[in-house]
Structure formats: structure tokens, C-alpha cells
Amino acid sequence: MPSAKRLPLANLPSSGVDAIHRTIDESQSNDIVIALVGHAGAGATTIGDRLKKALEEKKYDVRSVKMSKLIAECAEKLSPEKFKNILQKTPIERTVQLQNAGNFLRSTKGQAFTAGLAIREIRQLRRDIAKEKNKVVFVIDNLKNPTEVDALRKVYGRAFYLVSVVCGPRQRHARLISKYKGAPPEAIRALMDRDEAETEAAGQQVRKTIKSGDYFINNEPDLTNNTASQLEDNIKRFSSILLGDKIETPTRDERGLYAAWTASLRSSCLSRQVGAALLDPSGRLIATGVNDVPKFGGGLYEEGDQEDFRCFAFPDSTTKKAYCRNDSEKREIVKLLIQDLRSNEVLQTGVDEAKLAAILRATRLGDLIEFSRAVHAEMDAIVGVARGGGESTFDATLYCTTYPCHNCARHIVAAGIREVVYVEPYTKSLAVELHSDVIEETTRPAEGDSKKKVKFRLFSGVAPRRYAALFERRGEAKDREGNALSIPDALHKDPIFTLSHIDFENVIADKITQESG
């Protein structure tokens, strides 16, 4: 089979405009930085080891960056009285101390400091790599805070990938019991809760970090299927998508979630942008939805409407400022509650009412969502089907960028939707608590007798943020005779460059000056 040239301009003569092309092509970097994130017990390290093997099979030099080692060494150096011989402690003590050490470094040195440790280690590893090896992957195991992701993404740009390892809490708990043999059950549970989301911004924030993934891998075992084989296939698929050495097309889940994410970009909601997409049982897109304000005649306000009463364009008549009606109503409830307590002489003299108001807003009062003017994205998609006619939500799959709230959840059940696939958790939702009879959280697709409950499933696959870059074809797929082209040398499909735009500007301008005289 004929081969495709990955750099078609690389052999052009080094003169004139051809030299400009050569300058650009030769500055292409084949380095890739992959970071893993997963809850304790999700198996992120195991996924990293398998990914390393898959990339080595593609002739890449893969180097590991262990965050636990870097954090332990740095914390002990900066505070030896608190952190000494962390890595030599018993397994559960070691994990707890590593959590403490990571929090210590982020809170005292800045939230991106731990990412800086990884960057410094990569620089050192790069110095040890032979110059002739131009295909290198650095695998970071593993991140715990979204600021780490932000820093690495800004430094390495398109060469950076966050791989989020997805696994259900029951399986994670079972793995941790096996790992921490003899540890008290309450200690394991406390470790899991802390790992998922601490109150401090610099703390363990795995739940928030996972949602930022570029690729999601399901590491949940299934006794009814050959999970080991499926997991291996999933990892190999990611490596092929990453390197573009074979044609890979989006799965149904990937294109469903991409449709939902695309819809979310229409949202003007002051709180968050949410999108939803409905696919019928055959995988056909039948509706999309977005969270925004409804308009007369059906649908939502959008750009180009003659009248626009979305919250950002509908200010308060007195202050002339745009504001969130839901937040305003919650503040008013707290204010009236304190007034009632005072008038009924329940409040003691000298109570700090500002502090009391803050405490009340931190309760479930602060989680109220029913005063929002926006239709939620899931409801917009469902109502869109009803408004259009001719389609049905029965047995459909709903893709959401965010886990549905409990209000949307009951309508999803009533609409006959079979499955919900989401990325971002929504801790305010009481969907399962209120409707455990008809809703079940899972990481596996709905199959067999699953129609007894609507499955709320975490997404697995290429995240919408990298969908276009990784699935768009960058070169010819066939030769002049129509034969499919093969790619013998796997390289990063979405490469970055070793030169900055200023460097390119200077080099190319000098070449043009030389040629034009």
C-alpha cells in the first residue's frame, strides 16, 4: 500500500518561499505531554502503564513523571518536620500524607506550583534524551487539582492531553479495600471523600479536574463482557487518534456529546453554559438544547432577534445592571428569613447578621435553582421535540455537558428517555436521591434489562474540546489511482512548533529580505 508523506514540503529546495515552508516544517515538534487524573481507586496508574506500552509500540520514547515522588520530595525539603519519609509509610498513611503534602505546596507556594514540579522534571528528562530521538511522550501520573491542568495546558498548548480515568464509586471502594488491607473502613471512606472534592480551592479537587479531560477512559469492570480486551482496545484507539496512523471516526457517544457541547456555546446564562442533544435509538440527532431564556412563540432568545430579554441584556430598571434573577431571589429569601427571626425575637442580641447570612447561603438555600429565568438545556431539547412534532423521545439517549438537575431528571424519566450521558458532575442535583426507583448511575452503556431504570452514565471517549482537531483529516487518504494511503511513521496529529510566532516572523522576514534584495 502506498505511503502518505506527513511533511509534504520537507524535501523542497532551501531557497525562496520553499525555504519558508522548510523552516515551518522543520520546527514542528513531535513531543506530547499526557497527564492522568482519576479518583483514588480508579486505576489511573494502571491506565498510564498501558498507555505507555501502546505508545512505545508506535516507536515513541515514553518517559514517566510521578507526581507522588515529586510532591513528597519537595514537601520534605520545604517542611521536614511535617513531611518525612512519606513514601516509606504504610499505604493508607502514605496516601493521606501525599494529600497533605500536595495541599501544603499549593496553598503556600501557589496553586500551580505542583504543575511547576512536573514541568521542571520534564525539562530534566528532556536533557537526558538522545538528540536523535524526536518522538517523545511524557506521561504525568497523576493530577489532583484543575489549576495544575490549566498551567500545563498553557505551557504545552495542543501538545498537552489530560486523560480522565472514569470508574464508579463502588468499584473504587472495592479496590481501595484491597489496596489498604486492614485499614479502618471509615479511613478509606474519608480518603475517598477528601480526594473527590475538598472545600479549599488548593485542596484535592479530582471531581473538578476530571471534567477538563481531553480523553475519557472507562476503567469500570463488567462481568458480562471481556473488559480487559475492551480497555486495551480503548487505549489503542486513543493512541491511533492521537498519532493519526489509521483512520478513526467518532463513536455515537462522541458525536452526541459534541452536538451537546456545540449547543452549549449558544448560552448567554450568567451562571454556566450547558448544552444537550437527543439521539434516537438509531443514533440520529433529533434535537439540541441550551440553557437560556424562553421567548414568545416558542424557543429561546438568540443572537439576531429583534427583541432580546436574556439576563445579560435585561438590566434592573433602577441600577441599570444586568443580574442573575436566581441569585437575587436567594439573597432576598435569606434577608426575609433573618428579618422574621429578628421580629420573632429568635435572634440573640449582638448576632452578626452578615455572618449569619453567609452561613445560610452556604446551606441548601444556596443550591436553589427554581428562580432562574432560563430553560435548562435538557428541557429545551425535550420541548424542542414536542414543538417540532414527528419525532419521539421514547428510548432516546440524552447527551449533556453537565449532569442533569433533579427537576430535569424527573422530566427525562417521564419523557421515556433510556439513557443520559454526561461529563461534568453537578453536586446540587438530587436526581438519584429523589428518584432511586427509576434512575441509576453507572459507567456502562444501557443494555439488556436496563430499561427498568434510566441510566445516568459518565462519558468515555474524545472530549468535545479536541473533537475537530483529532477527527479532521489533515492530508490525502488516497493516491491518484484511488488506493488508500498508509502512514508508516506515526506522528502527533495536532503538532505544536518549537518556534514562537515572533521567531517565525524574524526568520521568515530575514529570508524574504535576502531573496528580494
Protein backbone atom coordinates (compact mmCIF):
# COMPACT_ATOMS: atom_id res chain seq x y z
CA MET A 1 0.00 0.00 0.00
CA PRO A 2 1.40 3.46 -0.87
CA SER A 3 2.56 5.68 1.97
CA ALA A 4 1.43 9.20 2.80
CA LYS A 5 4.08 11.85 3.43
CA ARG A 6 3.39 13.51 6.76
CA LEU A 7 5.53 16.57 5.86
CA PRO A 8 4.96 17.04 2.09
CA LEU A 9 7.14 20.17 1.92
CA ALA A 10 10.14 18.82 3.81
CA ASN A 11 12.19 17.95 0.70
CA LEU A 12 11.74 21.22 -1.17
CA PRO A 13 14.86 23.24 -2.10
CA SER A 14 16.15 25.57 0.61
CA SER A 15 15.52 28.81 -1.24
CA GLY A 16 12.85 31.46 -1.60
CA VAL A 17 9.34 30.63 -0.49
CA ASP A 18 10.26 26.92 -0.44
CA ALA A 19 12.77 27.74 2.30
CA ILE A 20 9.96 29.36 4.27
CA HIS A 21 7.94 26.16 4.09
CA ARG A 22 11.01 24.18 5.14
CA THR A 23 11.54 26.49 8.13
CA ILE A 24 7.97 25.92 9.27
CA ASP A 25 8.05 22.15 8.70
CA GLU A 26 11.39 21.60 10.42
CA SER A 27 10.25 23.44 13.55
CA GLN A 28 7.38 21.01 14.07
CA SER A 29 7.65 19.29 17.45
CA ASN A 30 6.65 15.68 17.95
CA ASP A 31 6.66 15.96 21.73
CA ILE A 32 3.47 15.05 23.58
CA VAL A 33 2.64 15.60 27.26
CA ILE A 34 -0.10 13.39 28.71
CA ALA A 35 -1.38 13.82 32.26
CA LEU A 36 -3.67 11.36 34.01
CA VAL A 37 -6.40 12.13 36.51
CA GLY A 38 -8.67 9.74 38.36
CA HIS A 39 -10.26 9.27 41.74
CA ALA A 40 -8.42 7.15 44.29
CA GLY A 41 -9.06 3.56 43.27
CA ALA A 42 -9.94 4.41 39.65
CA GLY A 43 -6.74 2.80 38.38
CA ALA A 44 -5.14 5.85 36.72
CA THR A 45 -1.63 4.47 37.23
CA THR A 46 -2.58 1.18 35.56
CA ILE A 47 -4.06 3.09 32.61
CA GLY A 48 -0.86 5.12 32.40
CA ASP A 49 1.27 1.98 32.23
CA ARG A 50 -0.89 0.53 29.45
CA LEU A 51 -0.87 3.80 27.54
CA LYS A 52 2.92 3.89 27.83
CA LYS A 53 3.13 0.44 26.27
CA ALA A 54 0.75 1.37 23.44
CA LEU A 55 2.77 4.47 22.55
CA GLU A 56 6.07 2.59 22.72
CA GLU A 57 4.64 0.22 20.12
CA LYS A 58 4.27 3.31 17.91
CA LYS A 59 8.04 3.90 18.27
CA TYR A 60 7.72 6.76 20.77
CA ASP A 61 10.18 7.20 23.62
CA VAL A 62 7.89 7.40 26.68
CA ARG A 63 9.09 8.92 29.97
CA SER A 64 7.13 8.79 33.23
CA VAL A 65 6.68 11.73 35.61
CA LYS A 66 5.48 10.58 39.06
CA MET A 67 3.75 13.40 40.89
CA SER A 68 3.75 11.48 44.18
CA LYS A 69 7.56 11.31 44.16
CA LEU A 70 7.98 14.97 43.18
CA ILE A 71 5.48 16.20 45.79
CA ALA A 72 6.92 14.03 48.58
CA GLU A 73 10.50 15.15 47.91
CA CYS A 74 9.63 18.83 47.65
CA ALA A 75 7.36 18.86 50.73
CA GLU A 76 10.02 17.12 52.84
CA LYS A 77 12.64 19.62 51.68
CA LEU A 78 10.47 22.64 52.50
CA SER A 79 8.96 21.30 55.72
CA PRO A 80 10.95 18.30 57.06
CA GLU A 81 9.20 18.46 60.44
CA LYS A 82 5.82 17.81 58.78
CA PHE A 83 6.77 15.57 55.88
CA LYS A 84 9.47 12.97 56.35
CA ASN A 85 9.84 9.65 54.55
CA ILE A 86 6.32 9.88 53.11
CA LEU A 87 6.94 7.18 50.53
CA GLN A 88 8.09 4.70 53.21
CA LYS A 89 4.88 4.86 55.24
CA THR A 90 2.08 2.26 55.19
CA PRO A 91 -0.09 2.51 52.06
CA ILE A 92 -3.01 4.47 53.51
CA GLU A 93 -0.76 6.73 55.61
CA ARG A 94 1.33 7.35 52.52
CA THR A 95 -1.74 8.42 50.51
CA VAL A 96 -3.06 10.71 53.25
CA GLN A 97 0.36 12.30 53.70
CA LEU A 98 0.66 12.85 49.95
CA GLN A 99 -2.74 14.58 50.01
CA ASN A 100 -1.47 16.76 52.86
CA ALA A 101 1.78 17.50 51.04
CA GLY A 102 0.06 18.47 47.79
CA ASN A 103 -2.29 20.78 49.67
CA PHE A 104 0.65 22.29 51.57
CA LEU A 105 2.57 23.09 48.39
CA ARG A 106 -0.41 24.53 46.51
CA SER A 107 -1.58 26.65 49.47
CA THR A 108 1.85 28.02 50.45
CA LYS A 109 3.59 28.28 47.07
CA GLY A 110 0.68 28.90 44.72
CA GLN A 111 -1.91 26.57 43.22
CA ALA A 112 0.11 25.92 40.06
CA PHE A 113 3.27 25.08 42.00
CA THR A 114 2.80 21.31 41.75
CA ALA A 115 2.39 21.65 37.98
CA GLY A 116 5.70 23.51 38.03
CA LEU A 117 7.32 20.47 39.65
CA ALA A 118 6.16 18.37 36.69
CA ILE A 119 7.41 20.94 34.20
CA ARG A 120 10.84 21.04 35.87
CA GLU A 121 11.01 17.23 35.79
CA ILE A 122 10.12 17.18 32.09
CA ARG A 123 12.92 19.65 31.39
CA GLN A 124 15.37 17.39 33.21
CA LEU A 125 14.15 14.27 31.41
CA ARG A 126 14.43 16.05 28.08
CA ARG A 127 18.11 16.75 28.75
CA ASP A 128 18.71 13.02 29.19
CA ILE A 129 17.07 12.07 25.88
CA ALA A 130 19.32 11.48 22.90
CA LYS A 131 19.02 14.27 20.33
CA GLU A 132 18.23 11.85 17.51
CA LYS A 133 15.06 10.76 19.30
CA ASN A 134 12.46 13.26 18.08
CA LYS A 135 9.35 11.35 19.15
CA VAL A 136 8.89 11.70 22.89
CA VAL A 137 5.89 11.37 25.22
CA PHE A 138 5.93 12.47 28.85
CA VAL A 139 3.24 10.77 30.98
CA ILE A 140 2.36 12.56 34.23
CA ASP A 141 0.80 10.36 36.95
CA ASN A 142 -1.39 11.97 38.28
CA LEU A 143 -3.05 15.37 38.80
CA LYS A 144 -5.43 16.35 41.60
CA ASN A 145 -6.36 19.97 41.01
CA PRO A 146 -7.72 21.89 37.98
CA THR A 147 -5.12 24.65 38.33
CA GLU A 148 -2.46 22.04 37.53
CA VAL A 149 -4.27 21.28 34.28
CA ASP A 150 -4.61 24.97 33.40
CA ALA A 151 -0.89 25.58 33.88
CA LEU A 152 0.21 22.56 31.83
CA ARG A 153 -2.27 23.36 29.08
CA LYS A 154 -0.95 26.93 28.81
CA VAL A 155 2.68 25.79 28.70
CA TYR A 156 2.35 22.88 26.25
CA GLY A 157 -0.69 24.01 24.27
CA ARG A 158 -2.02 21.46 21.79
CA ALA A 159 0.74 19.01 22.76
CA PHE A 160 -0.92 18.55 26.16
CA TYR A 161 -3.65 15.96 26.80
CA LEU A 162 -5.49 15.25 30.02
CA VAL A 163 -6.69 11.64 30.17
CA SER A 164 -9.54 11.29 32.68
CA VAL A 165 -9.96 7.78 34.08
CA VAL A 166 -13.62 7.09 34.87
CA CYS A 167 -14.73 4.49 37.41
CA GLY A 168 -17.80 4.11 39.64
CA PRO A 169 -17.56 4.66 43.43
CA ARG A 170 -18.40 1.07 44.38
CA GLN A 171 -15.59 -0.37 42.27
CA ARG A 172 -13.17 2.28 43.51
CA HIS A 173 -14.10 1.47 47.10
CA ALA A 174 -13.55 -2.25 46.50
CA ARG A 175 -10.10 -1.59 45.02
CA LEU A 176 -9.08 0.60 47.94
CA ILE A 177 -10.17 -2.05 50.46
CA SER A 178 -7.88 -4.48 48.65
CA LYS A 179 -5.04 -1.95 48.43
CA TYR A 180 -5.28 -0.81 52.05
CA LYS A 181 -5.73 -4.19 53.69
CA GLY A 182 -6.54 -3.83 57.39
CA ALA A 183 -7.29 -0.09 57.19
CA PRO A 184 -10.46 1.04 59.07
CA PRO A 185 -13.47 1.41 56.72
CA GLU A 186 -14.08 4.97 57.92
CA ALA A 187 -10.49 5.90 56.99
CA ILE A 188 -10.98 4.63 53.44
CA ARG A 189 -14.28 6.47 53.11
CA ALA A 190 -12.72 9.70 54.44
CA LEU A 191 -9.87 9.36 51.94
CA MET A 192 -12.34 8.93 49.06
CA ASP A 193 -14.45 11.91 50.12
CA ARG A 194 -11.41 14.12 50.51
CA ASP A 195 -9.94 13.00 47.19
CA GLU A 196 -13.13 13.90 45.33
CA ALA A 197 -13.61 17.47 46.50
CA GLU A 198 -12.22 19.44 49.40
CA THR A 199 -13.64 22.83 50.34
CA GLU A 200 -10.29 24.61 49.87
CA ALA A 201 -9.51 25.65 46.31
CA ALA A 202 -5.91 24.45 46.73
CA GLY A 203 -7.02 21.06 48.04
CA GLN A 204 -7.89 17.75 46.40
CA GLN A 205 -10.33 18.57 43.60
CA VAL A 206 -10.41 15.43 41.47
CA ARG A 207 -14.07 15.77 40.51
CA LYS A 208 -13.46 19.23 39.03
CA THR A 209 -10.23 18.10 37.38
CA ILE A 210 -11.76 15.08 35.64
CA LYS A 211 -14.31 17.19 33.75
CA SER A 212 -11.45 19.03 31.99
CA GLY A 213 -10.30 15.86 30.22
CA ASP A 214 -9.32 15.67 26.56
CA TYR A 215 -9.98 11.92 26.52
CA PHE A 216 -12.04 9.82 28.94
CA ILE A 217 -11.25 6.15 29.57
CA ASN A 218 -13.72 3.86 31.31
CA ASN A 219 -11.93 1.59 33.79
CA GLU A 220 -15.06 0.01 35.24
CA PRO A 221 -15.08 -3.82 35.07
CA ASP A 222 -18.09 -5.61 33.64
CA LEU A 223 -18.57 -9.29 34.39
CA THR A 224 -20.74 -9.75 31.29
CA ASN A 225 -18.07 -8.59 28.85
CA ASN A 226 -14.37 -9.04 28.20
CA THR A 227 -13.44 -5.81 29.96
CA ALA A 228 -9.67 -6.30 29.69
CA SER A 229 -9.95 -6.56 25.91
CA GLN A 230 -12.31 -3.55 25.71
CA LEU A 231 -9.97 -1.45 27.84
CA GLU A 232 -6.98 -2.41 25.69
CA ASP A 233 -8.92 -1.52 22.54
CA ASN A 234 -9.90 1.84 24.06
CA ILE A 235 -6.29 2.71 24.90
CA LYS A 236 -5.05 1.64 21.46
CA ARG A 237 -7.81 3.68 19.85
CA PHE A 238 -6.68 6.77 21.75
CA SER A 239 -3.08 6.27 20.63
CA SER A 240 -4.23 5.91 16.99
CA ILE A 241 -6.42 9.03 17.20
CA LEU A 242 -3.54 10.93 18.80
CA LEU A 243 -0.99 9.92 16.19
CA GLY A 244 -3.24 9.65 13.14
CA ASP A 245 -1.65 6.43 11.88
CA LYS A 246 -5.02 5.00 10.83
CA ILE A 247 -8.49 6.28 10.09
CA GLU A 248 -10.59 6.58 13.25
CA THR A 249 -14.08 8.07 13.24
CA PRO A 250 -16.22 9.34 16.15
CA THR A 251 -18.32 6.95 18.20
CA ARG A 252 -22.00 7.65 18.78
CA ASP A 253 -21.21 8.95 22.25
CA GLU A 254 -18.52 11.27 20.93
CA ARG A 255 -20.68 12.87 18.27
CA GLY A 256 -23.67 13.04 20.63
CA LEU A 257 -21.69 14.90 23.27
CA TYR A 258 -20.07 17.10 20.62
CA ALA A 259 -23.54 18.15 19.47
CA ALA A 260 -24.43 18.97 23.08
CA TRP A 261 -21.22 20.95 23.59
CA THR A 262 -21.73 22.88 20.35
CA ALA A 263 -25.23 23.79 21.52
CA SER A 264 -23.86 24.99 24.88
CA LEU A 265 -21.87 27.72 23.10
CA ARG A 266 -25.16 29.50 22.31
CA SER A 267 -25.90 30.01 26.01
CA SER A 268 -25.73 33.51 27.49
CA CYS A 269 -26.57 32.30 31.02
CA LEU A 270 -24.64 34.23 33.65
CA SER A 271 -24.14 31.09 35.75
CA ARG A 272 -22.86 28.48 33.27
CA GLN A 273 -23.15 27.33 29.66
CA VAL A 274 -24.92 23.96 29.35
CA GLY A 275 -25.82 22.04 26.21
CA ALA A 276 -27.86 18.92 25.49
CA ALA A 277 -28.52 16.72 22.45
CA LEU A 278 -31.09 13.97 21.86
CA LEU A 279 -30.26 10.99 19.66
CA ASP A 280 -32.93 8.48 18.72
CA PRO A 281 -32.30 4.70 19.10
CA SER A 282 -30.72 4.59 15.64
CA GLY A 283 -28.23 7.32 16.59
CA ARG A 284 -29.89 10.12 14.59
CA LEU A 285 -29.78 13.62 16.09
CA ILE A 286 -33.35 14.76 16.71
CA ALA A 287 -32.90 17.85 18.92
CA THR A 288 -30.40 20.02 20.75
CA GLY A 289 -30.94 22.26 23.74
CA VAL A 290 -29.26 25.10 25.58
CA ASN A 291 -29.89 26.87 28.87
CA ASP A 292 -31.34 30.31 28.17
CA VAL A 293 -34.44 32.48 28.46
CA PRO A 294 -37.64 31.44 26.61
CA LYS A 295 -39.34 33.81 24.15
CA PHE A 296 -42.91 34.22 22.95
CA GLY A 297 -43.89 31.86 20.16
CA GLY A 298 -41.57 29.07 21.31
CA GLY A 299 -37.88 28.52 21.61
CA LEU A 300 -35.29 30.71 23.28
CA TYR A 301 -33.93 34.18 22.62
CA GLU A 302 -30.85 34.13 20.45
CA GLU A 303 -28.47 36.42 18.61
CA GLY A 304 -30.24 38.35 15.85
CA ASP A 305 -33.68 38.54 17.47
CA GLN A 306 -35.25 41.99 17.20
CA GLU A 307 -36.03 41.91 20.92
CA ASP A 308 -33.64 40.35 23.39
CA PHE A 309 -34.61 39.84 27.03
CA ARG A 310 -31.87 37.47 28.08
CA CYS A 311 -30.46 38.28 31.52
CA PHE A 312 -27.28 39.96 30.26
CA ALA A 313 -29.42 42.23 28.02
CA PHE A 314 -32.27 42.84 30.51
CA PRO A 315 -30.86 45.05 33.30
CA ASP A 316 -32.52 46.15 36.50
CA SER A 317 -34.68 49.23 35.89
CA THR A 318 -33.13 51.05 38.87
CA THR A 319 -29.47 50.06 38.92
CA LYS A 320 -29.25 49.58 35.13
CA LYS A 321 -27.09 46.50 35.79
CA ALA A 322 -27.66 43.03 34.37
CA TYR A 323 -28.00 40.38 37.07
CA CYS A 324 -28.94 36.75 37.78
CA ARG A 325 -32.57 36.55 38.98
CA ASN A 326 -31.98 33.25 40.75
CA ASP A 327 -29.13 34.66 42.85
CA SER A 328 -31.19 37.75 43.58
CA GLU A 329 -34.17 35.73 44.81
CA LYS A 330 -31.96 33.59 47.06
CA ARG A 331 -30.46 36.69 48.63
CA GLU A 332 -33.98 38.03 49.23
CA ILE A 333 -35.04 34.77 50.92
CA VAL A 334 -32.08 34.97 53.29
CA LYS A 335 -32.84 38.63 54.02
CA LEU A 336 -36.52 37.92 54.78
CA LEU A 337 -35.61 34.89 56.90
CA ILE A 338 -33.29 36.97 59.08
CA GLN A 339 -35.96 39.67 59.36
CA ASP A 340 -38.51 37.09 60.52
CA LEU A 341 -36.08 35.65 63.06
CA ARG A 342 -35.42 39.13 64.39
CA SER A 343 -39.09 40.17 64.54
CA ASN A 344 -39.99 36.94 66.36
CA GLU A 345 -37.16 37.59 68.83
CA VAL A 346 -35.34 34.36 67.94
CA LEU A 347 -32.03 36.05 67.25
CA GLN A 348 -29.89 36.85 70.25
CA THR A 349 -28.70 40.40 70.78
CA GLY A 350 -25.41 41.11 69.08
CA VAL A 351 -25.66 38.37 66.44
CA ASP A 352 -23.55 39.19 63.37
CA GLU A 353 -26.29 39.24 60.70
CA ALA A 354 -23.82 39.42 57.82
CA LYS A 355 -22.11 36.26 59.09
CA LEU A 356 -25.49 34.58 59.60
CA ALA A 357 -26.49 35.46 56.03
CA ALA A 358 -23.27 33.87 54.74
CA ILE A 359 -23.94 30.72 56.77
CA LEU A 360 -27.49 30.46 55.40
CA ARG A 361 -26.33 30.94 51.83
CA ALA A 362 -23.84 28.08 52.35
CA THR A 363 -26.71 25.69 53.18
CA ARG A 364 -29.05 24.15 50.62
CA LEU A 365 -30.73 27.54 50.36
CA GLY A 366 -27.76 28.42 48.18
CA ASP A 367 -28.49 25.43 45.94
CA LEU A 368 -31.99 26.52 44.94
CA ILE A 369 -32.37 26.75 41.16
CA GLU A 370 -36.09 27.28 40.53
CA PHE A 371 -35.91 31.08 40.33
CA SER A 372 -33.79 31.09 37.20
CA ARG A 373 -35.40 32.57 34.08
CA ALA A 374 -33.53 30.11 31.87
CA VAL A 375 -34.99 26.92 30.48
CA HIS A 376 -32.47 24.16 31.21
CA ALA A 377 -30.71 22.62 28.22
CA GLU A 378 -32.22 19.16 28.80
CA MET A 379 -35.74 20.62 28.92
CA ASP A 380 -35.08 22.76 25.83
CA ALA A 381 -34.12 19.61 23.89
CA ILE A 382 -37.21 17.70 25.09
CA VAL A 383 -39.57 20.62 24.43
CA GLY A 384 -37.92 21.10 21.04
CA VAL A 385 -39.01 17.59 20.03
CA ALA A 386 -42.57 18.32 21.15
CA ARG A 387 -42.60 21.65 19.33
CA GLY A 388 -41.33 20.15 16.10
CA GLY A 389 -43.61 17.11 16.03
CA GLY A 390 -42.97 13.88 14.16
CA GLU A 391 -40.18 12.73 16.47
CA SER A 392 -40.25 10.87 19.77
CA THR A 393 -38.15 10.97 22.92
CA PHE A 394 -39.03 7.36 23.72
CA ASP A 395 -35.93 5.16 24.07
CA ALA A 396 -33.71 8.11 23.09
CA THR A 397 -30.31 8.95 24.58
CA LEU A 398 -29.75 12.40 26.04
CA TYR A 399 -26.21 13.82 25.95
CA CYS A 400 -25.48 16.62 28.42
CA THR A 401 -22.38 18.67 29.10
CA THR A 402 -23.45 18.70 32.78
CA TYR A 403 -25.24 16.15 35.00
CA PRO A 404 -28.99 16.98 35.00
CA CYS A 405 -30.58 18.68 37.99
CA HIS A 406 -33.36 16.81 39.83
CA ASN A 407 -36.02 18.96 38.14
CA CYS A 408 -34.83 17.96 34.66
CA ALA A 409 -34.26 14.37 35.84
CA ARG A 410 -37.92 13.69 36.55
CA HIS A 411 -38.92 15.08 33.16
CA ILE A 412 -36.24 12.95 31.49
CA VAL A 413 -37.79 9.86 33.09
CA ALA A 414 -41.31 10.92 32.15
CA ALA A 415 -40.24 11.53 28.54
CA GLY A 416 -39.24 7.87 28.17
CA ILE A 417 -35.56 8.63 27.63
CA ARG A 418 -33.50 5.48 28.06
CA GLU A 419 -30.07 6.88 28.95
CA VAL A 420 -28.27 10.09 29.90
CA VAL A 421 -24.57 10.57 29.10
CA TYR A 422 -22.79 13.49 30.79
CA VAL A 423 -19.31 14.89 31.53
CA GLU A 424 -19.43 17.47 34.31
CA PRO A 425 -20.84 16.44 37.71
CA TYR A 426 -23.47 18.65 39.34
CA THR A 427 -23.33 18.21 43.09
CA LYS A 428 -26.52 20.20 43.70
CA SER A 429 -28.58 17.58 41.86
CA LEU A 430 -30.66 15.20 43.97
CA ALA A 431 -31.72 13.16 40.95
CA VAL A 432 -30.77 9.75 42.36
CA GLU A 433 -31.75 10.58 45.96
CA LEU A 434 -35.25 11.61 44.90
CA HIS A 435 -35.76 9.07 42.12
CA SER A 436 -33.72 5.98 43.01
CA ASP A 437 -36.65 3.84 41.83
CA VAL A 438 -36.17 4.93 38.22
CA ILE A 439 -32.62 6.36 37.94
CA GLU A 440 -29.30 4.58 38.28
CA GLU A 441 -25.78 6.00 37.98
CA THR A 442 -23.34 3.87 36.01
CA THR A 443 -20.28 3.93 33.76
CA ARG A 444 -21.64 1.24 31.41
CA PRO A 445 -23.97 1.69 28.41
CA ALA A 446 -27.62 0.74 28.86
CA GLU A 447 -28.09 -2.87 27.72
CA GLY A 448 -30.38 -5.85 28.31
CA ASP A 449 -32.95 -5.22 31.04
CA SER A 450 -31.64 -1.71 31.74
CA LYS A 451 -34.96 -0.17 30.66
CA LYS A 452 -36.16 -0.75 34.23
CA LYS A 453 -34.15 2.33 35.18
CA VAL A 454 -32.82 5.33 33.26
CA LYS A 455 -29.03 5.08 33.19
CA PHE A 456 -27.06 8.24 34.05
CA ARG A 457 -23.64 7.43 32.60
CA LEU A 458 -20.26 9.17 32.64
CA PHE A 459 -18.91 9.84 29.15
CA SER A 460 -15.97 7.91 27.69
CA GLY A 461 -14.03 8.90 24.55
CA VAL A 462 -12.65 12.03 22.86
CA ALA A 463 -13.83 15.17 24.65
CA PRO A 464 -15.60 17.85 22.59
CA ARG A 465 -12.69 20.27 23.13
CA ARG A 466 -10.44 18.08 20.89
CA TYR A 467 -13.12 16.59 18.62
CA ALA A 468 -12.45 18.68 15.50
CA ALA A 469 -8.65 18.65 15.79
CA LEU A 470 -8.39 14.88 16.26
CA PHE A 471 -11.01 13.74 13.77
CA GLU A 472 -10.39 16.26 10.99
CA ARG A 473 -8.41 14.78 8.11
CA ARG A 474 -5.16 16.72 7.57
CA GLY A 475 -3.89 15.10 4.38
CA GLU A 476 -4.83 12.90 1.44
CA ALA A 477 -6.30 9.48 2.24
CA LYS A 478 -5.83 8.01 -1.26
CA ASP A 479 -3.42 8.24 -4.17
CA ARG A 480 -4.25 9.22 -7.77
CA GLU A 481 -5.33 5.66 -8.53
CA GLY A 482 -7.74 5.65 -5.58
CA ASN A 483 -5.65 3.37 -3.38
CA ALA A 484 -5.78 4.04 0.35
CA LEU A 485 -2.58 5.58 1.67
CA SER A 486 -0.80 4.15 4.69
CA ILE A 487 1.20 6.18 7.19
CA PRO A 488 4.34 4.26 8.16
CA ASP A 489 5.63 6.75 10.71
CA ALA A 490 3.11 7.68 13.41
CA LEU A 491 3.43 11.34 14.48
CA HIS A 492 1.32 13.66 16.59
CA LYS A 493 -1.75 14.59 14.56
CA ASP A 494 -2.11 18.07 16.06
CA PRO A 495 1.51 19.20 16.47
CA ILE A 496 2.97 22.33 18.00
CA PHE A 497 6.13 24.15 16.96
CA THR A 498 9.44 24.78 18.69
CA LEU A 499 9.47 28.39 17.46
CA SER A 500 7.14 31.13 18.64
CA HIS A 501 5.27 33.34 16.20
CA ILE A 502 7.87 36.05 16.86
CA ASP A 503 10.68 33.60 15.98
CA PHE A 504 8.89 32.60 12.78
CA GLU A 505 8.32 36.24 11.93
CA ASN A 506 12.00 37.11 12.30
CA VAL A 507 13.34 34.08 10.40
CA ILE A 508 10.89 34.40 7.51
CA ALA A 509 11.28 38.19 7.24
CA ASP A 510 15.07 37.76 7.02
CA LYS A 511 14.72 35.13 4.28
CA ILE A 512 12.39 37.36 2.29
CA THR A 513 14.81 40.26 2.65
CA GLN A 514 17.66 38.07 1.37
CA GLU A 515 15.64 36.90 -1.65
CA SER A 516 14.12 40.26 -2.56
CA GLY A 517 17.38 42.15 -2.25
